Amino acid sequence: MAEIEAPASVKLSKEGNIVVVKGKLGTVKKDFTRLPATVKVEGNKITVTPYGKRKQDLAVTNTARSILQSMIKGVEKGYTYKLKIIFAHFPIAVKVKGKEIQVENFFGERNPRISRIVGDLTKVTLAGEDLVVQGPSLEDVSQTAANVELSTKIKDKDQRVFLDGLYIYSREEGIQA
């Protein structure tokens, strides 16, 4: 059994099997339907009780605890991932349009490489040679950064020589202005 205590500034609620965490940076929701455990929300305390007593059941409980703690931390502080734009051959142009990120002129390609922004509260900005992904949900921010990094993955060439692309170089707690 795992108990998570939330600060007073964070509001917790449960709608069916969906746990909702509200804070100053927004609302983060997570569906725990497929989790083999019972999740109870009482005031500012969440209790996760596994169905069994085996080692695997306790591991599931600790995973749920980690997810819930990152949700609470996210609505209070937020998360920031930074990606560095690196090119040696053709100058890469990165544009944010709506809910997608377009990487243009990657290795001189005519069509842009497109990756989508996950989550409604995830914000993507360009700061010089950096692409900054910020938001309250760790899952959404990290998945968006991974989508961008994977969209510029180089295939059929030696990756030690052809280093062009966007690479994650910083994972931080907190949203910088």
C-alpha atoms as a PDB file:
ATOM      1  CA  MET A   1       0.000   0.000   0.000  1.00  0.00           C
ATOM      2  CA  ALA A   2       1.271   3.463  -0.932  1.00  0.00           C
ATOM      3  CA  GLU A   3       0.072   6.800   0.402  1.00  0.00           C
ATOM      4  CA  ILE A   4       0.804  10.090  -1.340  1.00  0.00           C
ATOM      5  CA  GLU A   5       0.220  13.362   0.480  1.00  0.00           C
ATOM      6  CA  ALA A   6      -0.456  16.384  -1.738  1.00  0.00           C
ATOM      7  CA  PRO A   7       0.232  19.993  -0.675  1.00  0.00           C
ATOM      8  CA  ALA A   8      -2.693  22.266   0.157  1.00  0.00           C
ATOM      9  CA  SER A   9      -2.299  24.217  -3.119  1.00  0.00           C
ATOM     10  CA  VAL A  10      -3.114  21.068  -5.143  1.00  0.00           C
ATOM     11  CA  LYS A  11      -6.676  19.764  -5.542  1.00  0.00           C
ATOM     12  CA  LEU A  12      -7.195  16.039  -6.052  1.00  0.00           C
ATOM     13  CA  SER A  13     -10.305  14.308  -7.395  1.00  0.00           C
ATOM     14  CA  LYS A  14     -11.300  11.013  -8.959  1.00  0.00           C
ATOM     15  CA  GLU A  15     -13.817  10.580 -11.787  1.00  0.00           C
ATOM     16  CA  GLY A  16     -14.358   6.858 -12.273  1.00  0.00           C
ATOM     17  CA  ASN A  17     -10.838   5.467 -12.703  1.00  0.00           C
ATOM     18  CA  ILE A  18      -9.385   8.800 -13.830  1.00  0.00           C
ATOM     19  CA  VAL A  19      -7.372  10.728 -11.239  1.00  0.00           C
ATOM     20  CA  VAL A  20      -7.463  14.521 -11.757  1.00  0.00           C
ATOM     21  CA  VAL A  21      -4.779  16.754 -10.224  1.00  0.00           C
ATOM     22  CA  LYS A  22      -5.346  20.529 -10.362  1.00  0.00           C
ATOM     23  CA  GLY A  23      -2.738  23.147  -9.498  1.00  0.00           C
ATOM     24  CA  LYS A  24      -1.517  26.612 -10.413  1.00  0.00           C
ATOM     25  CA  LEU A  25      -0.050  25.454 -13.769  1.00  0.00           C
ATOM     26  CA  GLY A  26      -3.141  23.557 -14.924  1.00  0.00           C
ATOM     27  CA  THR A  27      -4.872  20.203 -14.745  1.00  0.00           C
ATOM     28  CA  VAL A  28      -3.304  16.778 -15.337  1.00  0.00           C
ATOM     29  CA  LYS A  29      -5.441  13.654 -15.788  1.00  0.00           C
ATOM     30  CA  LYS A  30      -4.384  10.009 -15.774  1.00  0.00           C
ATOM     31  CA  ASP A  31      -6.472   6.916 -16.389  1.00  0.00           C
ATOM     32  CA  PHE A  32      -5.728   4.075 -13.931  1.00  0.00           C
ATOM     33  CA  THR A  33      -8.265   1.603 -15.387  1.00  0.00           C
ATOM     34  CA  ARG A  34      -5.677  -0.982 -16.391  1.00  0.00           C
ATOM     35  CA  LEU A  35      -3.764  -0.740 -13.109  1.00  0.00           C
ATOM     36  CA  PRO A  36      -4.233  -3.917 -10.993  1.00  0.00           C
ATOM     37  CA  ALA A  37      -4.764  -1.848  -7.855  1.00  0.00           C
ATOM     38  CA  THR A  38      -7.376   0.278  -6.097  1.00  0.00           C
ATOM     39  CA  VAL A  39      -6.827   4.040  -6.116  1.00  0.00           C
ATOM     40  CA  LYS A  40      -8.664   6.068  -3.464  1.00  0.00           C
ATOM     41  CA  VAL A  41      -8.703   9.858  -3.148  1.00  0.00           C
ATOM     42  CA  GLU A  42      -9.639  11.284   0.251  1.00  0.00           C
ATOM     43  CA  GLY A  43      -9.096  15.022   0.634  1.00  0.00           C
ATOM     44  CA  ASN A  44      -5.435  15.701  -0.162  1.00  0.00           C
ATOM     45  CA  LYS A  45      -4.320  12.085   0.213  1.00  0.00           C
ATOM     46  CA  ILE A  46      -4.163   9.337  -2.418  1.00  0.00           C
ATOM     47  CA  THR A  47      -3.989   5.681  -1.394  1.00  0.00           C
ATOM     48  CA  VAL A  48      -2.932   2.947  -3.844  1.00  0.00           C
ATOM     49  CA  THR A  49      -3.679  -0.613  -2.698  1.00  0.00           C
ATOM     50  CA  PRO A  50      -2.583  -3.550  -4.902  1.00  0.00           C
ATOM     51  CA  TYR A  51      -4.905  -6.515  -5.500  1.00  0.00           C
ATOM     52  CA  GLY A  52      -2.304  -9.075  -4.413  1.00  0.00           C
ATOM     53  CA  LYS A  53       0.687  -9.432  -2.081  1.00  0.00           C
ATOM     54  CA  ARG A  54       3.340 -10.595  -4.554  1.00  0.00           C
ATOM     55  CA  LYS A  55       6.489  -8.705  -5.527  1.00  0.00           C
ATOM     56  CA  GLN A  56       4.980  -7.699  -8.905  1.00  0.00           C
ATOM     57  CA  ASP A  57       1.937  -6.202  -7.163  1.00  0.00           C
ATOM     58  CA  LEU A  58       4.149  -4.059  -4.938  1.00  0.00           C
ATOM     59  CA  ALA A  59       6.112  -2.950  -8.023  1.00  0.00           C
ATOM     60  CA  VAL A  60       2.845  -1.798  -9.623  1.00  0.00           C
ATOM     61  CA  THR A  61       2.059   0.176  -6.472  1.00  0.00           C
ATOM     62  CA  ASN A  62       5.422   1.941  -6.559  1.00  0.00           C
ATOM     63  CA  THR A  63       4.981   2.744 -10.265  1.00  0.00           C
ATOM     64  CA  ALA A  64       1.578   4.282  -9.540  1.00  0.00           C
ATOM     65  CA  ARG A  65       3.101   6.272  -6.671  1.00  0.00           C
ATOM     66  CA  SER A  66       5.826   7.610  -8.961  1.00  0.00           C
ATOM     67  CA  ILE A  67       3.278   8.620 -11.635  1.00  0.00           C
ATOM     68  CA  LEU A  68       1.063  10.386  -9.082  1.00  0.00           C
ATOM     69  CA  GLN A  69       4.032  12.210  -7.514  1.00  0.00           C
ATOM     70  CA  SER A  70       5.151  13.458 -10.931  1.00  0.00           C
ATOM     71  CA  MET A  71       1.584  14.660 -11.613  1.00  0.00           C
ATOM     72  CA  ILE A  72       1.548  16.615  -8.342  1.00  0.00           C
ATOM     73  CA  LYS A  73       5.019  18.036  -8.984  1.00  0.00           C
ATOM     74  CA  GLY A  74       3.993  18.952 -12.525  1.00  0.00           C
ATOM     75  CA  VAL A  75       0.968  21.080 -11.583  1.00  0.00           C
ATOM     76  CA  GLU A  76       3.080  22.892  -8.967  1.00  0.00           C
ATOM     77  CA  LYS A  77       6.432  23.412 -10.749  1.00  0.00           C
ATOM     78  CA  GLY A  78       6.110  21.993 -14.271  1.00  0.00           C
ATOM     79  CA  TYR A  79       8.703  20.318 -16.471  1.00  0.00           C
ATOM     80  CA  THR A  80      11.126  21.659 -19.086  1.00  0.00           C
ATOM     81  CA  TYR A  81      12.947  19.692 -21.790  1.00  0.00           C
ATOM     82  CA  LYS A  82      15.528  21.416 -23.999  1.00  0.00           C
ATOM     83  CA  LEU A  83      16.617  20.154 -27.411  1.00  0.00           C
ATOM     84  CA  LYS A  84      19.676  21.448 -29.268  1.00  0.00           C
ATOM     85  CA  ILE A  85      19.412  22.046 -33.027  1.00  0.00           C
ATOM     86  CA  ILE A  86      22.601  20.657 -34.595  1.00  0.00           C
ATOM     87  CA  PHE A  87      23.545  20.726 -38.273  1.00  0.00           C
ATOM     88  CA  ALA A  88      26.752  20.501 -40.290  1.00  0.00           C
ATOM     89  CA  HIS A  89      25.544  19.947 -43.834  1.00  0.00           C
ATOM     90  CA  PHE A  90      22.321  21.877 -44.472  1.00  0.00           C
ATOM     91  CA  PRO A  91      20.949  24.617 -42.184  1.00  0.00           C
ATOM     92  CA  ILE A  92      17.898  23.248 -40.369  1.00  0.00           C
ATOM     93  CA  ALA A  93      14.833  25.475 -39.905  1.00  0.00           C
ATOM     94  CA  VAL A  94      12.413  24.574 -37.098  1.00  0.00           C
ATOM     95  CA  LYS A  95       8.882  25.999 -37.023  1.00  0.00           C
ATOM     96  CA  VAL A  96       6.032  25.521 -34.562  1.00  0.00           C
ATOM     97  CA  LYS A  97       2.652  25.551 -36.319  1.00  0.00           C
ATOM     98  CA  GLY A  98      -0.436  24.799 -34.245  1.00  0.00           C
ATOM     99  CA  LYS A  99      -0.081  21.365 -32.652  1.00  0.00           C
ATOM    100  CA  GLU A 100       2.924  20.255 -34.710  1.00  0.00           C
ATOM    101  CA  ILE A 101       6.629  20.970 -35.030  1.00  0.00           C
ATOM    102  CA  GLN A 102       8.078  21.133 -38.538  1.00  0.00           C
ATOM    103  CA  VAL A 103      11.784  20.522 -39.174  1.00  0.00           C
ATOM    104  CA  GLU A 104      12.539  21.967 -42.602  1.00  0.00           C
ATOM    105  CA  ASN A 105      15.598  21.510 -44.849  1.00  0.00           C
ATOM    106  CA  PHE A 106      16.805  18.480 -42.860  1.00  0.00           C
ATOM    107  CA  PHE A 107      19.659  17.116 -45.034  1.00  0.00           C
ATOM    108  CA  GLY A 108      18.262  19.233 -47.877  1.00  0.00           C
ATOM    109  CA  GLU A 109      14.966  17.313 -47.958  1.00  0.00           C
ATOM    110  CA  ARG A 110      12.121  19.107 -49.734  1.00  0.00           C
ATOM    111  CA  ASN A 111       9.368  17.994 -47.360  1.00  0.00           C
ATOM    112  CA  PRO A 112       9.460  18.970 -43.691  1.00  0.00           C
ATOM    113  CA  ARG A 113       9.706  16.314 -41.024  1.00  0.00           C
ATOM    114  CA  ILE A 114       6.653  16.723 -38.811  1.00  0.00           C
ATOM    115  CA  SER A 115       6.213  15.664 -35.192  1.00  0.00           C
ATOM    116  CA  ARG A 116       3.139  16.346 -33.097  1.00  0.00           C
ATOM    117  CA  ILE A 117       2.843  18.161 -29.782  1.00  0.00           C
ATOM    118  CA  VAL A 118       1.229  15.899 -27.171  1.00  0.00           C
ATOM    119  CA  GLY A 119      -1.179  17.427 -24.635  1.00  0.00           C
ATOM    120  CA  ASP A 120      -3.168  20.649 -24.508  1.00  0.00           C
ATOM    121  CA  LEU A 121      -0.973  22.458 -21.969  1.00  0.00           C
ATOM    122  CA  THR A 122       2.388  21.596 -23.586  1.00  0.00           C
ATOM    123  CA  LYS A 123       4.123  24.703 -24.943  1.00  0.00           C
ATOM    124  CA  VAL A 124       6.970  24.631 -27.477  1.00  0.00           C
ATOM    125  CA  THR A 125       9.162  27.678 -28.114  1.00  0.00           C
ATOM    126  CA  LEU A 126      12.323  28.416 -30.061  1.00  0.00           C
ATOM    127  CA  ALA A 127      15.173  30.116 -28.189  1.00  0.00           C
ATOM    128  CA  GLY A 128      18.139  30.607 -30.507  1.00  0.00           C
ATOM    129  CA  GLU A 129      19.639  27.184 -31.221  1.00  0.00           C
ATOM    130  CA  ASP A 130      17.338  25.514 -28.689  1.00  0.00           C
ATOM    131  CA  LEU A 131      13.826  24.094 -28.856  1.00  0.00           C
ATOM    132  CA  VAL A 132      12.198  24.361 -25.413  1.00  0.00           C
ATOM    133  CA  VAL A 133       9.273  22.076 -24.485  1.00  0.00           C
ATOM    134  CA  GLN A 134       7.402  22.989 -21.265  1.00  0.00           C
ATOM    135  CA  GLY A 135       4.259  21.873 -19.480  1.00  0.00           C
ATOM    136  CA  PRO A 136       2.719  20.440 -16.308  1.00  0.00           C
ATOM    137  CA  SER A 137       2.481  16.826 -17.522  1.00  0.00           C
ATOM    138  CA  LEU A 138       5.783  14.927 -17.531  1.00  0.00           C
ATOM    139  CA  GLU A 139       4.367  12.319 -19.924  1.00  0.00           C
ATOM    140  CA  ASP A 140       3.237  14.918 -22.481  1.00  0.00           C
ATOM    141  CA  VAL A 141       6.431  17.002 -22.307  1.00  0.00           C
ATOM    142  CA  SER A 142       8.776  14.020 -22.561  1.00  0.00           C
ATOM    143  CA  GLN A 143       6.746  12.384 -25.360  1.00  0.00           C
ATOM    144  CA  THR A 144       6.740  15.629 -27.371  1.00  0.00           C
ATOM    145  CA  ALA A 145      10.523  15.948 -26.991  1.00  0.00           C
ATOM    146  CA  ALA A 146      10.976  12.287 -27.957  1.00  0.00           C
ATOM    147  CA  ASN A 147       8.747  12.753 -31.034  1.00  0.00           C
ATOM    148  CA  VAL A 148      10.958  15.619 -32.233  1.00  0.00           C
ATOM    149  CA  GLU A 149      14.169  13.715 -31.551  1.00  0.00           C
ATOM    150  CA  LEU A 150      12.885  10.611 -33.373  1.00  0.00           C
ATOM    151  CA  SER A 151      11.620  12.611 -36.357  1.00  0.00           C
ATOM    152  CA  THR A 152      15.218  13.652 -37.115  1.00  0.00           C
ATOM    153  CA  LYS A 153      16.736  10.208 -36.641  1.00  0.00           C
ATOM    154  CA  ILE A 154      19.180   9.381 -39.421  1.00  0.00           C
ATOM    155  CA  LYS A 155      18.818   5.995 -41.073  1.00  0.00           C
ATOM    156  CA  ASP A 156      21.105   4.215 -43.570  1.00  0.00           C
ATOM    157  CA  LYS A 157      24.095   6.436 -42.731  1.00  0.00           C
ATOM    158  CA  ASP A 158      26.825   6.319 -40.094  1.00  0.00           C
ATOM    159  CA  GLN A 159      25.358   8.207 -37.113  1.00  0.00           C
ATOM    160  CA  ARG A 160      28.839   9.030 -35.825  1.00  0.00           C
ATOM    161  CA  VAL A 161      29.560  11.051 -38.979  1.00  0.00           C
ATOM    162  CA  PHE A 162      26.132  12.482 -39.784  1.00  0.00           C
ATOM    163  CA  LEU A 163      25.267  14.188 -36.489  1.00  0.00           C
ATOM    164  CA  ASP A 164      22.537  16.489 -37.807  1.00  0.00           C
ATOM    165  CA  GLY A 165      19.281  16.571 -35.862  1.00  0.00           C
ATOM    166  CA  LEU A 166      17.583  17.754 -32.691  1.00  0.00           C
ATOM    167  CA  TYR A 167      18.821  16.143 -29.480  1.00  0.00           C
ATOM    168  CA  ILE A 168      17.515  16.328 -25.909  1.00  0.00           C
ATOM    169  CA  TYR A 169      20.272  17.734 -23.701  1.00  0.00           C
ATOM    170  CA  SER A 170      18.407  18.944 -20.612  1.00  0.00           C
ATOM    171  CA  ARG A 171      15.544  17.616 -18.473  1.00  0.00           C
ATOM    172  CA  GLU A 172      14.555  19.969 -15.666  1.00  0.00           C
ATOM    173  CA  GLU A 173      11.874  20.475 -13.069  1.00  0.00           C
ATOM    174  CA  GLY A 174      10.233  23.863 -13.204  1.00  0.00           C
ATOM    175  CA  ILE A 175       9.201  26.167 -16.003  1.00  0.00           C
ATOM    176  CA  GLN A 176      11.632  28.955 -16.859  1.00  0.00           C
ATOM    177  CA  ALA A 177      10.227  32.254 -18.086  1.00  0.00           C
END
